C-alpha atoms as a PDB file:
ATOM      1  CA  MET A   1     -19.097  -3.536 -19.428  1.00  0.00           C
ATOM      2  CA  LEU A   2     -15.626  -2.201 -18.598  1.00  0.00           C
ATOM      3  CA  ARG A   3     -12.738  -4.166 -20.087  1.00  0.00           C
ATOM      4  CA  PHE A   4      -9.270  -4.535 -18.542  1.00  0.00           C
ATOM      5  CA  ILE A   5      -5.761  -5.501 -19.599  1.00  0.00           C
ATOM      6  CA  HIS A   6      -3.943  -7.276 -16.767  1.00  0.00           C
ATOM      7  CA  VAL A   7      -0.142  -7.033 -16.834  1.00  0.00           C
ATOM      8  CA  GLY A   8       1.690  -9.420 -14.489  1.00  0.00           C
ATOM      9  CA  THR A   9      -0.051 -12.750 -13.892  1.00  0.00           C
ATOM     10  CA  GLY A  10       2.745 -14.593 -12.061  1.00  0.00           C
ATOM     11  CA  GLY A  11       3.974 -14.145  -8.486  1.00  0.00           C
ATOM     12  CA  PHE A  12       1.542 -11.862  -6.670  1.00  0.00           C
ATOM     13  CA  GLY A  13      -0.292 -11.504  -9.961  1.00  0.00           C
ATOM     14  CA  ALA A  14      -1.539 -15.069  -9.472  1.00  0.00           C
ATOM     15  CA  TYR A  15      -3.450 -13.832  -6.404  1.00  0.00           C
ATOM     16  CA  TRP A  16      -4.986 -11.091  -8.546  1.00  0.00           C
ATOM     17  CA  CYS A  17      -6.095 -13.705 -11.061  1.00  0.00           C
ATOM     18  CA  ALA A  18      -7.638 -16.030  -8.488  1.00  0.00           C
ATOM     19  CA  GLN A  19      -9.178 -13.615  -5.980  1.00  0.00           C
ATOM     20  CA  VAL A  20      -9.303 -10.018  -7.203  1.00  0.00           C
ATOM     21  CA  LEU A  21     -10.067  -9.866 -10.926  1.00  0.00           C
ATOM     22  CA  SER A  22     -12.041 -13.100 -10.838  1.00  0.00           C
ATOM     23  CA  ARG A  23     -14.313 -11.459  -8.269  1.00  0.00           C
ATOM     24  CA  LEU A  24     -14.845  -8.393 -10.488  1.00  0.00           C
ATOM     25  CA  VAL A  25     -15.826 -10.680 -13.333  1.00  0.00           C
ATOM     26  CA  LYS A  26     -18.224 -12.689 -11.151  1.00  0.00           C
ATOM     27  CA  LEU A  27     -19.820  -9.460  -9.913  1.00  0.00           C
ATOM     28  CA  GLY A  28     -20.377  -8.405 -13.523  1.00  0.00           C
ATOM     29  CA  LYS A  29     -18.357  -5.223 -13.017  1.00  0.00           C
ATOM     30  CA  ALA A  30     -15.597  -5.892 -15.581  1.00  0.00           C
ATOM     31  CA  GLU A  31     -14.392  -8.413 -18.120  1.00  0.00           C
ATOM     32  CA  PRO A  32     -10.906  -9.324 -19.365  1.00  0.00           C
ATOM     33  CA  ALA A  33      -9.651  -7.856 -22.635  1.00  0.00           C
ATOM     34  CA  ALA A  34      -6.134  -9.315 -22.395  1.00  0.00           C
ATOM     35  CA  ALA A  35      -3.550 -10.734 -19.991  1.00  0.00           C
ATOM     36  CA  VAL A  36       0.206 -10.145 -20.193  1.00  0.00           C
ATOM     37  CA  ASP A  37       3.206 -11.840 -18.612  1.00  0.00           C
ATOM     38  CA  ILE A  38       6.769 -12.240 -19.871  1.00  0.00           C
ATOM     39  CA  ASN A  39       6.616 -15.886 -18.763  1.00  0.00           C
ATOM     40  CA  PRO A  40       3.993 -17.651 -20.912  1.00  0.00           C
ATOM     41  CA  ASP A  41       3.503 -20.333 -18.233  1.00  0.00           C
ATOM     42  CA  ASN A  42       2.106 -17.670 -15.881  1.00  0.00           C
ATOM     43  CA  LEU A  43      -0.694 -16.821 -18.290  1.00  0.00           C
ATOM     44  CA  LYS A  44      -2.473 -20.003 -17.235  1.00  0.00           C
ATOM     45  CA  ASN A  45      -3.309 -18.179 -13.994  1.00  0.00           C
ATOM     46  CA  ALA A  46      -5.330 -15.643 -15.977  1.00  0.00           C
ATOM     47  CA  ARG A  47      -7.038 -18.256 -18.136  1.00  0.00           C
ATOM     48  CA  ASP A  48      -8.030 -20.295 -15.080  1.00  0.00           C
ATOM     49  CA  GLY A  49      -8.749 -17.340 -12.807  1.00  0.00           C
ATOM     50  CA  TYR A  50     -10.973 -15.082 -14.865  1.00  0.00           C
ATOM     51  CA  GLY A  51     -11.392 -16.835 -18.173  1.00  0.00           C
ATOM     52  CA  VAL A  52      -9.346 -14.709 -20.569  1.00  0.00           C
ATOM     53  CA  PRO A  53      -9.180 -16.548 -23.918  1.00  0.00           C
ATOM     54  CA  GLU A  54      -5.839 -17.951 -25.033  1.00  0.00           C
ATOM     55  CA  ASN A  55      -5.716 -15.699 -28.091  1.00  0.00           C
ATOM     56  CA  ARG A  56      -5.799 -12.699 -25.742  1.00  0.00           C
ATOM     57  CA  CYS A  57      -2.736 -13.811 -23.778  1.00  0.00           C
ATOM     58  CA  TYR A  58       0.461 -11.915 -24.525  1.00  0.00           C
ATOM     59  CA  THR A  59       4.106 -11.955 -23.481  1.00  0.00           C
ATOM     60  CA  ASP A  60       4.698  -8.395 -24.734  1.00  0.00           C
ATOM     61  CA  ALA A  61       2.838  -5.548 -23.013  1.00  0.00           C
ATOM     62  CA  ARG A  62       3.250  -3.073 -25.860  1.00  0.00           C
ATOM     63  CA  GLN A  63       1.731  -5.515 -28.331  1.00  0.00           C
ATOM     64  CA  ALA A  64      -1.226  -6.114 -26.020  1.00  0.00           C
ATOM     65  CA  PHE A  65      -1.909  -2.403 -25.601  1.00  0.00           C
ATOM     66  CA  ASP A  66      -1.574  -1.841 -29.356  1.00  0.00           C
ATOM     67  CA  GLU A  67      -3.868  -4.677 -30.398  1.00  0.00           C
ATOM     68  CA  VAL A  68      -6.581  -4.760 -27.726  1.00  0.00           C
ATOM     69  CA  GLU A  69      -9.202  -2.174 -26.851  1.00  0.00           C
ATOM     70  CA  ALA A  70      -9.791  -1.742 -23.126  1.00  0.00           C
ATOM     71  CA  ASP A  71     -10.965   0.760 -20.525  1.00  0.00           C
ATOM     72  CA  PHE A  72      -8.368   0.254 -17.808  1.00  0.00           C
ATOM     73  CA  ALA A  73      -5.123  -1.515 -17.027  1.00  0.00           C
ATOM     74  CA  VAL A  74      -4.284  -3.566 -13.953  1.00  0.00           C
ATOM     75  CA  ILE A  75      -0.523  -3.519 -13.296  1.00  0.00           C
ATOM     76  CA  VAL A  76       1.017  -6.128 -10.990  1.00  0.00           C
ATOM     77  CA  VAL A  77       4.720  -6.027 -11.828  1.00  0.00           C
ATOM     78  CA  PRO A  78       7.844  -5.190  -9.773  1.00  0.00           C
ATOM     79  CA  PRO A  79       8.042  -1.493  -8.785  1.00  0.00           C
ATOM     80  CA  ALA A  80      11.009  -0.805 -11.068  1.00  0.00           C
ATOM     81  CA  HIS A  81       8.714  -1.505 -14.050  1.00  0.00           C
ATOM     82  CA  HIS A  82       5.718   0.541 -12.866  1.00  0.00           C
ATOM     83  CA  GLU A  83       6.683   3.641 -14.801  1.00  0.00           C
ATOM     84  CA  ALA A  84       7.214   1.874 -18.122  1.00  0.00           C
ATOM     85  CA  ILE A  85       4.001  -0.164 -18.022  1.00  0.00           C
ATOM     86  CA  SER A  86       1.810   2.632 -16.653  1.00  0.00           C
ATOM     87  CA  THR A  87       3.133   4.948 -19.382  1.00  0.00           C
ATOM     88  CA  LEU A  88       1.965   2.468 -22.049  1.00  0.00           C
ATOM     89  CA  ALA A  89      -1.510   2.538 -20.520  1.00  0.00           C
ATOM     90  CA  ILE A  90      -1.646   6.305 -19.975  1.00  0.00           C
ATOM     91  CA  GLU A  91      -0.494   7.044 -23.539  1.00  0.00           C
ATOM     92  CA  ARG A  92      -3.470   5.040 -24.793  1.00  0.00           C
ATOM     93  CA  GLY A  93      -5.948   6.776 -22.503  1.00  0.00           C
ATOM     94  CA  LEU A  94      -6.514   3.800 -20.211  1.00  0.00           C
ATOM     95  CA  HIS A  95      -7.279   4.281 -16.552  1.00  0.00           C
ATOM     96  CA  VAL A  96      -4.805   2.514 -14.241  1.00  0.00           C
ATOM     97  CA  LEU A  97      -5.081   0.362 -11.125  1.00  0.00           C
ATOM     98  CA  MET A  98      -1.573  -0.541  -9.952  1.00  0.00           C
ATOM     99  CA  GLU A  99       0.029  -2.453  -7.111  1.00  0.00           C
ATOM    100  CA  LYS A 100       1.994  -0.552  -4.473  1.00  0.00           C
ATOM    101  CA  PRO A 101       4.255   1.358  -4.329  1.00  0.00           C
ATOM    102  CA  LEU A 102       3.651   4.059  -6.917  1.00  0.00           C
ATOM    103  CA  ALA A 103       7.244   3.532  -8.131  1.00  0.00           C
ATOM    104  CA  ASP A 104      10.691   2.586  -6.887  1.00  0.00           C
ATOM    105  CA  THR A 105      11.970   6.193  -6.658  1.00  0.00           C
ATOM    106  CA  ILE A 106      10.453   9.576  -5.831  1.00  0.00           C
ATOM    107  CA  GLU A 107      11.483  10.832  -9.283  1.00  0.00           C
ATOM    108  CA  ALA A 108       9.607   8.036 -11.068  1.00  0.00           C
ATOM    109  CA  SER A 109       6.641   8.477  -8.718  1.00  0.00           C
ATOM    110  CA  CYS A 110       6.394  12.166  -9.611  1.00  0.00           C
ATOM    111  CA  ARG A 111       6.673  11.471 -13.335  1.00  0.00           C
ATOM    112  CA  ILE A 112       3.835   8.933 -13.146  1.00  0.00           C
ATOM    113  CA  TYR A 113       1.763  11.416 -11.105  1.00  0.00           C
ATOM    114  CA  HIS A 114       2.256  14.182 -13.676  1.00  0.00           C
ATOM    115  CA  ARG A 115       1.517  11.883 -16.633  1.00  0.00           C
ATOM    116  CA  ALA A 116      -1.729  10.636 -15.102  1.00  0.00           C
ATOM    117  CA  ARG A 117      -2.962  14.127 -14.254  1.00  0.00           C
ATOM    118  CA  GLU A 118      -1.983  15.632 -17.592  1.00  0.00           C
ATOM    119  CA  ALA A 119      -3.733  12.806 -19.443  1.00  0.00           C
ATOM    120  CA  GLY A 120      -6.869  13.200 -17.322  1.00  0.00           C
ATOM    121  CA  ILE A 121      -7.025   9.489 -16.529  1.00  0.00           C
ATOM    122  CA  LYS A 122      -8.105   7.952 -13.242  1.00  0.00           C
ATOM    123  CA  MET A 123      -5.323   6.140 -11.414  1.00  0.00           C
ATOM    124  CA  ALA A 124      -5.182   4.362  -8.061  1.00  0.00           C
ATOM    125  CA  ILE A 125      -2.619   2.329  -6.118  1.00  0.00           C
ATOM    126  CA  THR A 126      -3.654  -0.743  -4.118  1.00  0.00           C
ATOM    127  CA  MET A 127      -2.325  -0.006  -0.634  1.00  0.00           C
ATOM    128  CA  SER A 128      -4.104  -3.117   0.585  1.00  0.00           C
ATOM    129  CA  HIS A 129      -2.831  -3.365   4.162  1.00  0.00           C
ATOM    130  CA  ARG A 130      -4.610  -0.212   5.344  1.00  0.00           C
ATOM    131  CA  PHE A 131      -7.852  -1.623   3.913  1.00  0.00           C
ATOM    132  CA  ASP A 132      -7.757  -4.858   5.866  1.00  0.00           C
ATOM    133  CA  GLN A 133     -10.585  -5.563   8.302  1.00  0.00           C
ATOM    134  CA  ASP A 134      -8.670  -4.905  11.517  1.00  0.00           C
ATOM    135  CA  LYS A 135      -7.024  -1.618  10.465  1.00  0.00           C
ATOM    136  CA  GLN A 136     -10.290  -0.312   9.044  1.00  0.00           C
ATOM    137  CA  SER A 137     -12.055  -1.219  12.286  1.00  0.00           C
ATOM    138  CA  LEU A 138      -9.518   0.793  14.279  1.00  0.00           C
ATOM    139  CA  GLU A 139      -9.663   3.711  11.847  1.00  0.00           C
ATOM    140  CA  ARG A 140     -13.441   3.821  12.036  1.00  0.00           C
ATOM    141  CA  ALA A 141     -13.384   3.612  15.827  1.00  0.00           C
ATOM    142  CA  ILE A 142     -10.896   6.481  16.103  1.00  0.00           C
ATOM    143  CA  HIS A 143     -13.007   8.724  13.888  1.00  0.00           C
ATOM    144  CA  SER A 144     -16.405   7.661  15.201  1.00  0.00           C
ATOM    145  CA  GLY A 145     -16.361  10.518  17.702  1.00  0.00           C
ATOM    146  CA  ALA A 146     -17.002   8.127  20.586  1.00  0.00           C
ATOM    147  CA  TYR A 147     -13.530   8.407  22.097  1.00  0.00           C
ATOM    148  CA  GLY A 148     -12.655  12.065  21.628  1.00  0.00           C
ATOM    149  CA  ALA A 149      -9.776  13.598  19.722  1.00  0.00           C
ATOM    150  CA  LEU A 150      -6.775  11.520  18.624  1.00  0.00           C
ATOM    151  CA  ASP A 151      -3.504  12.628  20.250  1.00  0.00           C
ATOM    152  CA  TYR A 152      -0.830  10.176  19.068  1.00  0.00           C
ATOM    153  CA  LEU A 153      -0.265   6.716  17.562  1.00  0.00           C
ATOM    154  CA  ILE A 154       2.164   3.894  18.306  1.00  0.00           C
ATOM    155  CA  GLY A 155       2.798   1.219  15.661  1.00  0.00           C
ATOM    156  CA  ARG A 156       4.855  -1.984  15.597  1.00  0.00           C
ATOM    157  CA  ASN A 157       5.678  -4.629  13.003  1.00  0.00           C
ATOM    158  CA  THR A 158       8.514  -7.052  13.849  1.00  0.00           C
ATOM    159  CA  TRP A 159       9.733 -10.320  12.355  1.00  0.00           C
ATOM    160  CA  ALA A 160      12.276 -13.110  12.830  1.00  0.00           C
ATOM    161  CA  PHE A 161      13.751 -12.908   9.325  1.00  0.00           C
ATOM    162  CA  ARG A 162      17.432 -12.538  10.179  1.00  0.00           C
ATOM    163  CA  LYS A 163      18.705 -15.446   8.048  1.00  0.00           C
ATOM    164  CA  TYR A 164      19.479 -14.720   4.410  1.00  0.00           C
ATOM    165  CA  GLY A 165      16.598 -15.769   2.208  1.00  0.00           C
ATOM    166  CA  SER A 166      14.030 -16.066   4.992  1.00  0.00           C
ATOM    167  CA  TRP A 167      12.306 -12.932   3.635  1.00  0.00           C
ATOM    168  CA  GLY A 168      13.143 -13.664   0.012  1.00  0.00           C
ATOM    169  CA  ALA A 169      16.793 -13.417  -1.019  1.00  0.00           C
ATOM    170  CA  TRP A 170      16.234 -10.287  -3.117  1.00  0.00           C
ATOM    171  CA  ARG A 171      14.929  -8.360  -0.097  1.00  0.00           C
ATOM    172  CA  HIS A 172      18.021  -9.270   1.926  1.00  0.00           C
ATOM    173  CA  GLU A 173      20.102  -7.714  -0.843  1.00  0.00           C
ATOM    174  CA  LEU A 174      18.335  -4.325  -0.767  1.00  0.00           C
ATOM    175  CA  ALA A 175      20.123  -1.288   0.636  1.00  0.00           C
ATOM    176  CA  ASP A 176      17.002  -0.251   2.619  1.00  0.00           C
ATOM    177  CA  ALA A 177      14.959  -3.412   2.981  1.00  0.00           C
ATOM    178  CA  LEU A 178      12.999  -2.270   6.018  1.00  0.00           C
ATOM    179  CA  LEU A 179      11.761   0.981   4.518  1.00  0.00           C
ATOM    180  CA  ILE A 180      11.340  -0.079   0.897  1.00  0.00           C
ATOM    181  CA  GLU A 181       9.638  -3.419   1.550  1.00  0.00           C
ATOM    182  CA  GLY A 182       8.656  -3.284   5.203  1.00  0.00           C
ATOM    183  CA  THR A 183       7.074   0.073   5.947  1.00  0.00           C
ATOM    184  CA  VAL A 184       5.444   1.382   2.771  1.00  0.00           C
ATOM    185  CA  HIS A 185       2.093  -0.047   3.910  1.00  0.00           C
ATOM    186  CA  HIS A 186       2.580   1.193   7.456  1.00  0.00           C
ATOM    187  CA  PHE A 187       3.192   4.768   6.334  1.00  0.00           C
ATOM    188  CA  ASP A 188      -0.162   4.579   4.557  1.00  0.00           C
ATOM    189  CA  ILE A 189      -1.813   3.137   7.681  1.00  0.00           C
ATOM    190  CA  MET A 190      -0.462   6.059   9.712  1.00  0.00           C
ATOM    191  CA  ARG A 191      -2.010   8.509   7.273  1.00  0.00           C
ATOM    192  CA  GLY A 192      -5.301   6.624   7.362  1.00  0.00           C
ATOM    193  CA  LEU A 193      -5.495   6.396  11.142  1.00  0.00           C
ATOM    194  CA  ALA A 194      -4.564  10.071  11.543  1.00  0.00           C
ATOM    195  CA  ARG A 195      -6.537  11.108   8.447  1.00  0.00           C
ATOM    196  CA  SER A 196      -3.811  13.578   7.676  1.00  0.00           C
ATOM    197  CA  ASN A 197      -0.675  13.972   5.601  1.00  0.00           C
ATOM    198  CA  ALA A 198       2.785  14.088   7.146  1.00  0.00           C
ATOM    199  CA  VAL A 199       4.621  17.311   7.988  1.00  0.00           C
ATOM    200  CA  THR A 200       7.946  15.835   9.129  1.00  0.00           C
ATOM    201  CA  VAL A 201       9.614  12.457   9.447  1.00  0.00           C
ATOM    202  CA  TYR A 202      12.702  11.301  11.343  1.00  0.00           C
ATOM    203  CA  ALA A 203      13.942   7.773  10.672  1.00  0.00           C
ATOM    204  CA  ASN A 204      16.825   6.082  12.475  1.00  0.00           C
ATOM    205  CA  THR A 205      17.580   2.777  10.733  1.00  0.00           C
ATOM    206  CA  TRP A 206      20.355   0.201  11.083  1.00  0.00           C
ATOM    207  CA  ASN A 207      21.225  -3.482  10.677  1.00  0.00           C
ATOM    208  CA  PRO A 208      22.315  -5.412  13.799  1.00  0.00           C
ATOM    209  CA  PRO A 209      25.287  -7.809  13.532  1.00  0.00           C
ATOM    210  CA  TRP A 210      23.007 -10.844  13.355  1.00  0.00           C
ATOM    211  CA  GLY A 211      20.873  -9.478  10.514  1.00  0.00           C
ATOM    212  CA  GLU A 212      21.954 -11.066   7.233  1.00  0.00           C
ATOM    213  CA  PHE A 213      20.995  -8.041   5.171  1.00  0.00           C
ATOM    214  CA  ALA A 214      22.969  -5.868   2.766  1.00  0.00           C
ATOM    215  CA  GLY A 215      21.395  -2.747   4.263  1.00  0.00           C
ATOM    216  CA  ASP A 216      19.246  -1.500   7.118  1.00  0.00           C
ATOM    217  CA  SER A 217      16.683  -3.947   8.450  1.00  0.00           C
ATOM    218  CA  THR A 218      15.602  -2.254  11.704  1.00  0.00           C
ATOM    219  CA  GLY A 219      14.323   1.221  12.478  1.00  0.00           C
ATOM    220  CA  LEU A 220      12.551   3.622  14.810  1.00  0.00           C
ATOM    221  CA  MET A 221      10.616   6.499  13.287  1.00  0.00           C
ATOM    222  CA  ILE A 222       8.765   9.602  14.412  1.00  0.00           C
ATOM    223  CA  VAL A 223       6.215  11.223  12.103  1.00  0.00           C
ATOM    224  CA  GLU A 224       4.282  14.432  12.741  1.00  0.00           C
ATOM    225  CA  MET A 225       1.053  14.954  10.823  1.00  0.00           C
ATOM    226  CA  GLU A 226      -0.447  18.198   9.527  1.00  0.00           C
ATOM    227  CA  ASN A 227      -3.276  17.965  12.073  1.00  0.00           C
ATOM    228  CA  GLY A 228      -0.819  17.663  14.980  1.00  0.00           C
ATOM    229  CA  VAL A 229      -1.063  13.901  15.509  1.00  0.00           C
ATOM    230  CA  ARG A 230       2.310  12.308  16.273  1.00  0.00           C
ATOM    231  CA  VAL A 231       3.271   8.762  15.340  1.00  0.00           C
ATOM    232  CA  PHE A 232       6.036   6.565  16.755  1.00  0.00           C
ATOM    233  CA  TYR A 233       6.776   3.448  14.731  1.00  0.00           C
ATOM    234  CA  GLU A 234       9.009   0.421  15.357  1.00  0.00           C
ATOM    235  CA  GLY A 235       9.927  -1.855  12.470  1.00  0.00           C
ATOM    236  CA  ALA A 236      12.355  -4.782  12.511  1.00  0.00           C
ATOM    237  CA  LYS A 237      13.052  -7.790  10.336  1.00  0.00           C
ATOM    238  CA  PRO A 238      15.927  -9.626  12.148  1.00  0.00           C
ATOM    239  CA  ASN A 239      14.489  -9.974  15.666  1.00  0.00           C
ATOM    240  CA  ALA A 240      14.573 -13.198  17.693  1.00  0.00           C
ATOM    241  CA  THR A 241      10.791 -13.485  17.333  1.00  0.00           C
ATOM    242  CA  GLY A 242       8.010 -11.822  15.422  1.00  0.00           C
ATOM    243  CA  LEU A 243       5.661  -9.977  17.761  1.00  0.00           C
ATOM    244  CA  ASN A 244       3.351  -8.457  15.165  1.00  0.00           C
ATOM    245  CA  THR A 245       3.948  -9.893  11.730  1.00  0.00           C
ATOM    246  CA  TRP A 246       2.203  -9.408   8.372  1.00  0.00           C
ATOM    247  CA  ALA A 247      -1.467  -8.488   8.767  1.00  0.00           C
ATOM    248  CA  ARG A 248      -1.201  -8.868  12.556  1.00  0.00           C
ATOM    249  CA  ASP A 249       0.109  -5.393  13.398  1.00  0.00           C
ATOM    250  CA  TYR A 250       0.140  -3.582  16.695  1.00  0.00           C
ATOM    251  CA  TRP A 251      -1.361  -0.088  16.684  1.00  0.00           C
ATOM    252  CA  ARG A 252      -2.256   1.949  19.750  1.00  0.00           C
ATOM    253  CA  ALA A 253      -4.326   5.106  19.434  1.00  0.00           C
ATOM    254  CA  GLU A 254      -4.260   7.475  22.392  1.00  0.00           C
ATOM    255  CA  CYS A 255      -7.502   9.432  22.325  1.00  0.00           C
ATOM    256  CA  ASP A 256      -8.993  11.915  24.770  1.00  0.00           C
ATOM    257  CA  ARG A 257     -11.457   9.487  26.348  1.00  0.00           C
ATOM    258  CA  ALA A 258      -9.939   6.083  25.654  1.00  0.00           C
ATOM    259  CA  THR A 259      -6.898   4.118  24.579  1.00  0.00           C
ATOM    260  CA  LEU A 260      -7.657   1.941  21.547  1.00  0.00           C
ATOM    261  CA  VAL A 261      -5.343  -1.047  21.049  1.00  0.00           C
ATOM    262  CA  LEU A 262      -5.188  -3.216  17.948  1.00  0.00           C
ATOM    263  CA  ASP A 263      -2.968  -6.249  18.571  1.00  0.00           C
ATOM    264  CA  ASN A 264      -2.899  -9.424  16.476  1.00  0.00           C
ATOM    265  CA  ARG A 265      -6.281  -8.627  14.929  1.00  0.00           C
ATOM    266  CA  GLN A 266      -8.021  -7.989  18.256  1.00  0.00           C
ATOM    267  CA  LEU A 267      -9.334  -4.483  19.002  1.00  0.00           C
ATOM    268  CA  ARG A 268      -9.784  -3.283  22.593  1.00  0.00           C
ATOM    269  CA  ARG A 269     -10.898  -0.105  24.360  1.00  0.00           C
ATOM    270  CA  LEU A 270      -9.110   0.719  27.609  1.00  0.00           C
ATOM    271  CA  SER A 271      -9.852   3.533  30.059  1.00  0.00           C
ATOM    272  CA  ASP A 272      -9.276   4.377  33.726  1.00  0.00           C
ATOM    273  CA  LEU A 273     -11.246   7.641  33.591  1.00  0.00           C
ATOM    274  CA  SER A 274     -14.208   6.225  35.524  1.00  0.00           C
ATOM    275  CA  GLY A 275     -11.962   5.460  38.491  1.00  0.00           C
ATOM    276  CA  GLU A 276     -11.484   1.794  37.663  1.00  0.00           C
ATOM    277  CA  ARG A 277     -10.038  -0.087  34.686  1.00  0.00           C
ATOM    278  CA  GLU A 278     -12.428  -0.571  31.780  1.00  0.00           C
ATOM    279  CA  ASP A 279     -11.288  -3.163  29.245  1.00  0.00           C
ATOM    280  CA  GLU A 280     -13.714  -3.844  26.427  1.00  0.00           C
ATOM    281  CA  GLU A 281     -13.226  -5.872  23.266  1.00  0.00           C
ATOM    282  CA  LEU A 282     -14.649  -4.048  20.254  1.00  0.00           C
ATOM    283  CA  PRO A 283     -16.080  -6.051  17.347  1.00  0.00           C
ATOM    284  CA  LEU A 284     -14.350  -5.828  14.003  1.00  0.00           C
ATOM    285  CA  ALA A 285     -16.288  -4.328  11.129  1.00  0.00           C
ATOM    286  CA  VAL A 286     -18.006  -6.725   8.733  1.00  0.00           C
ATOM    287  CA  GLN A 287     -18.468  -6.295   4.967  1.00  0.00           C
ATOM    288  CA  PRO A 288     -18.291  -8.514   1.837  1.00  0.00           C
ATOM    289  CA  ALA A 289     -14.661  -7.806   0.878  1.00  0.00           C
ATOM    290  CA  TRP A 290     -11.475  -6.267   2.192  1.00  0.00           C
ATOM    291  CA  VAL A 291      -7.964  -5.407   0.918  1.00  0.00           C
ATOM    292  CA  ASN A 292      -7.378  -5.721  -2.850  1.00  0.00           C
ATOM    293  CA  PRO A 293     -10.772  -7.198  -3.815  1.00  0.00           C
ATOM    294  CA  TRP A 294     -12.469  -4.258  -2.082  1.00  0.00           C
ATOM    295  CA  LEU A 295     -10.100  -1.678  -3.587  1.00  0.00           C
ATOM    296  CA  ALA A 296     -10.566  -3.116  -7.081  1.00  0.00           C
ATOM    297  CA  GLU A 297     -14.333  -2.947  -6.692  1.00  0.00           C
ATOM    298  CA  MET A 298     -14.121   0.669  -5.486  1.00  0.00           C
ATOM    299  CA  PHE A 299     -11.884   1.497  -8.461  1.00  0.00           C
ATOM    300  CA  VAL A 300     -14.333   0.118 -11.034  1.00  0.00           C
ATOM    301  CA  ASP A 301     -17.230   1.875  -9.297  1.00  0.00           C
ATOM    302  CA  TRP A 302     -15.209   5.110  -9.487  1.00  0.00           C
ATOM    303  CA  LEU A 303     -14.751   4.651 -13.242  1.00  0.00           C
ATOM    304  CA  GLN A 304     -18.526   4.338 -13.526  1.00  0.00           C
ATOM    305  CA  GLY A 305     -19.253   7.575 -11.662  1.00  0.00           C
ATOM    306  CA  GLY A 306     -18.902   6.511  -8.031  1.00  0.00           C
ATOM    307  CA  PRO A 307     -16.762   8.237  -5.374  1.00  0.00           C
ATOM    308  CA  PRO A 308     -12.978   8.330  -5.882  1.00  0.00           C
ATOM    309  CA  VAL A 309     -10.897   5.499  -4.483  1.00  0.00           C
ATOM    310  CA  PRO A 310      -9.128   6.655  -1.291  1.00  0.00           C
ATOM    311  CA  THR A 311      -5.798   5.578  -2.812  1.00  0.00           C
ATOM    312  CA  GLN A 312      -6.133   7.606  -6.026  1.00  0.00           C
ATOM    313  CA  VAL A 313      -2.802   8.920  -7.274  1.00  0.00           C
ATOM    314  CA  GLU A 314      -3.461  12.423  -5.912  1.00  0.00           C
ATOM    315  CA  ASP A 315      -3.557  10.876  -2.434  1.00  0.00           C
ATOM    316  CA  ASN A 316      -0.949   8.174  -2.948  1.00  0.00           C
ATOM    317  CA  ILE A 317       1.755  10.636  -3.972  1.00  0.00           C
ATOM    318  CA  GLN A 318       1.691  11.674  -0.301  1.00  0.00           C
ATOM    319  CA  CYS A 319       2.429   8.085   0.725  1.00  0.00           C
ATOM    320  CA  ALA A 320       5.323   7.973  -1.746  1.00  0.00           C
ATOM    321  CA  ALA A 321       6.621  11.282  -0.406  1.00  0.00           C
ATOM    322  CA  LEU A 322       6.565  10.009   3.186  1.00  0.00           C
ATOM    323  CA  LEU A 323       8.372   6.800   2.212  1.00  0.00           C
ATOM    324  CA  PHE A 324      11.165   8.467   0.260  1.00  0.00           C
ATOM    325  CA  ALA A 325      11.472  11.364   2.733  1.00  0.00           C
ATOM    326  CA  ALA A 326      11.988   8.727   5.449  1.00  0.00           C
ATOM    327  CA  LEU A 327      14.752   7.223   3.311  1.00  0.00           C
ATOM    328  CA  GLU A 328      16.382  10.631   3.038  1.00  0.00           C
ATOM    329  CA  SER A 329      16.100  11.067   6.806  1.00  0.00           C
ATOM    330  CA  ALA A 330      17.631   7.639   7.450  1.00  0.00           C
ATOM    331  CA  HIS A 331      20.593   8.436   5.203  1.00  0.00           C
ATOM    332  CA  SER A 332      21.131  12.008   6.406  1.00  0.00           C
ATOM    333  CA  GLY A 333      20.299  11.620  10.093  1.00  0.00           C
ATOM    334  CA  GLN A 334      18.103  14.728   9.813  1.00  0.00           C
ATOM    335  CA  VAL A 335      14.420  15.470  10.234  1.00  0.00           C
ATOM    336  CA  VAL A 336      12.898  15.897   6.759  1.00  0.00           C
ATOM    337  CA  ASP A 337      10.072  18.283   5.870  1.00  0.00           C
ATOM    338  CA  VAL A 338       7.818  15.950   3.878  1.00  0.00           C
ATOM    339  CA  GLN A 339       5.776  18.616   2.090  1.00  0.00           C
ATOM    340  CA  GLU A 340       8.861  20.589   1.066  1.00  0.00           C
ATOM    341  CA  TYR A 341      10.448  17.342  -0.116  1.00  0.00           C
ATOM    342  CA  LEU A 342       7.396  16.513  -2.219  1.00  0.00           C
ATOM    343  CA  ALA A 343       7.039  20.019  -3.655  1.00  0.00           C
ATOM    344  CA  ARG A 344      10.723  20.034  -4.642  1.00  0.00           C
ATOM    345  CA  HIS A 345      10.452  16.744  -6.515  1.00  0.00           C
ATOM    346  CA  LEU A 346       7.073  17.495  -8.093  1.00  0.00           C
ATOM    347  CA  GLY A 347       8.506  20.761  -9.347  1.00  0.00           C
ATOM    348  CA  ALA A 348      11.488  18.953 -10.827  1.00  0.00           C
ATOM    349  CA  GLY A 349       9.165  16.495 -12.583  1.00  0.00           C
END
């Protein structure tokens, strides 16, 4: 059975202990080799969640990787530490499943990408939001062929987080809170719904006077995909109300034969082509698991000879490129060529 080292068992790592890795263990797909967290109190989450023995709990990641044999690493630490921890795993030949984003800069993202490919290890990033039930239902409907070709997409995610600390104090102190913490998942959703990589991105971001943020908290963005699909996206954190908050996004897909609307986890098909308004609710897809539990299961199956995870690093570098190209656009006020941006930074790596 495959064995894993889990780094980061506090914060969001507690969710991994209770719902993601515990499920893998119950399914008989993997077993814990070690758990690591700099705060020893957080290691209780791993002991309770998936039964790692106390003598396999560490506060030092390097020591854990040096002393314990494993097949893959699960990394759930802040993005600024992704490069350091993933390098420890890659240097020891471990495959890597890591929380989003790939890294906190495009330079670090490219270095991780090169290291993984040069080492020949399998690596994936858990872009969970795209793999939620409602977004997957819309994606499958778009590409079912029932509604004709996709023309363009409209997306929205807005919140009432204007007061300092309402979105976590550290996010209010970021220079680009909206893009770094608010849209990384939505860029991946765009790519999934369009089933294409981005050609260009234009991002206009700002912070209104009532937003208690150190940097930009609101933005409007236009993305053009390689297959010609256009995307218009609205993101805001300091609004008076949240219209489509976390996991309750608004996405509208304009297809040849129908308009598909996902709004607060309800999917509808609209059309006037018959001469009168057709308004039909479409059922959401059903399966045993979604988001991170599903992605983790796909990752382990991939390690055992199954199909690659959709968010493998070769794909996810495109998501990183779109995110950081949007940051460059927001700062420069210019449209950014995403593929040129990525090629330039990969070449520098």
